[in-house]
Amino acid sequence: MMKNKRVCLNCKKEMILPYFLNKLETSCEECGKEYSFKNVHSKKTWGYFLILSICYLSLQFIFKNKNINSILFFIYFSAIILINNFMKEVVQIEKSE
């Protein structure tokens, strides 16, 4: 199971929760205040994917290579980069009202 770090905005304590939880109402262990954990996805991940796509398509155009193995390699390579980037994101905790 993938895990993700979340940081309390009040006491700055890092907590590790399962990554697949999109929104969870809970309280901080240290300060005891109620917080809403919400994922914040950056545009940087999609930027990496766009750059990889442009590079791959330009290489395909230059070399006129229509080999299925190169397409599968590109999909595998871009998936590794996207997953790695999602794992590194630090998700902030928004205070619930």
Protein backbone atom coordinates (compact mmCIF):
# COMPACT_ATOMS: atom_id res chain seq x y z
CA MET A 1 0.00 0.00 0.00
CA MET A 2 1.36 3.42 -0.95
CA LYS A 3 1.73 5.97 1.84
CA ASN A 4 1.96 9.73 1.76
CA LYS A 5 3.27 12.35 4.17
CA ARG A 6 0.93 15.10 5.34
CA VAL A 7 1.94 18.12 7.40
CA CYS A 8 -0.22 19.76 10.07
CA LEU A 9 -0.42 23.51 9.40
CA ASN A 10 -0.86 24.28 13.10
CA CYS A 11 1.97 22.35 14.82
CA LYS A 12 3.98 21.36 11.66
CA LYS A 13 3.99 17.67 12.61
CA GLU A 14 4.38 15.16 9.76
CA MET A 15 1.87 12.31 9.64
CA ILE A 16 1.86 9.30 7.32
CA LEU A 17 -1.53 8.17 6.02
CA PRO A 18 -2.52 5.79 3.22
CA TYR A 19 -2.07 7.55 -0.13
CA PHE A 20 -5.44 6.57 -1.57
CA LEU A 21 -7.38 8.59 1.05
CA ASN A 22 -8.53 11.69 -0.80
CA LYS A 23 -10.28 13.38 2.13
CA LEU A 24 -10.34 12.28 5.75
CA GLU A 25 -11.76 14.09 8.76
CA THR A 26 -9.50 13.51 11.76
CA SER A 27 -7.59 15.34 14.45
CA CYS A 28 -3.88 15.98 14.78
CA GLU A 29 -2.10 13.71 17.28
CA GLU A 30 0.00 16.49 18.78
CA CYS A 31 -2.22 19.60 18.93
CA GLY A 32 -5.59 17.77 18.99
CA LYS A 33 -7.36 20.13 16.58
CA GLU A 34 -9.72 18.85 13.89
CA TYR A 35 -8.24 18.94 10.40
CA SER A 36 -9.35 17.97 6.93
CA PHE A 37 -6.66 16.07 5.01
CA LYS A 38 -6.84 16.97 1.34
CA ASN A 39 -4.53 16.00 -1.52
CA VAL A 40 -2.88 18.88 -3.35
CA HIS A 41 -1.68 17.77 -6.78
CA SER A 42 0.90 19.92 -8.50
CA LYS A 43 0.98 20.80 -12.16
CA LYS A 44 4.65 19.78 -12.22
CA THR A 45 3.75 16.10 -12.66
CA TRP A 46 1.66 16.77 -15.75
CA GLY A 47 4.42 19.05 -17.04
CA TYR A 48 6.89 16.17 -16.87
CA PHE A 49 4.45 13.95 -18.75
CA LEU A 50 3.92 16.62 -21.42
CA ILE A 51 7.67 17.12 -21.89
CA LEU A 52 8.21 13.36 -22.17
CA SER A 53 5.40 13.08 -24.71
CA ILE A 54 6.79 15.89 -26.86
CA CYS A 55 10.31 14.39 -26.74
CA TYR A 56 9.02 10.95 -27.65
CA LEU A 57 6.86 12.17 -30.53
CA SER A 58 9.70 14.27 -31.92
CA LEU A 59 12.05 11.26 -31.78
CA GLN A 60 9.42 9.12 -33.51
CA PHE A 61 9.10 11.77 -36.23
CA ILE A 62 12.87 12.07 -36.70
CA PHE A 63 13.62 8.36 -36.87
CA LYS A 64 10.27 7.27 -38.42
CA ASN A 65 10.22 4.38 -35.98
CA LYS A 66 6.82 2.71 -35.56
CA ASN A 67 8.05 -0.20 -33.47
CA ILE A 68 5.58 -1.33 -30.76
CA ASN A 69 8.45 -2.07 -28.32
CA SER A 70 9.54 1.57 -28.33
CA ILE A 71 5.97 2.69 -27.63
CA LEU A 72 5.67 0.25 -24.71
CA PHE A 73 9.05 1.40 -23.37
CA PHE A 74 7.88 5.03 -23.46
CA ILE A 75 4.65 4.19 -21.62
CA TYR A 76 6.61 2.24 -18.98
CA PHE A 77 9.21 5.00 -18.57
CA SER A 78 6.64 7.79 -18.25
CA ALA A 79 4.57 5.74 -15.77
CA ILE A 80 7.65 5.28 -13.55
CA ILE A 81 8.34 9.03 -13.58
CA LEU A 82 4.71 9.93 -12.84
CA ILE A 83 4.42 7.45 -9.95
CA ASN A 84 7.74 8.60 -8.51
CA ASN A 85 6.63 12.22 -8.65
CA PHE A 86 3.28 11.49 -6.96
CA MET A 87 5.08 9.63 -4.17
CA LYS A 88 7.34 12.62 -3.48
CA GLU A 89 4.54 15.16 -3.13
CA VAL A 90 3.94 16.46 0.36
CA VAL A 91 0.25 16.97 0.98
CA GLN A 92 -0.81 19.81 3.23
CA ILE A 93 -3.59 19.66 5.75
CA GLU A 94 -6.35 22.21 5.43
CA LYS A 95 -8.13 23.32 8.56
CA SER A 96 -11.76 22.20 8.58
CA GLU A 97 -14.44 24.70 9.44
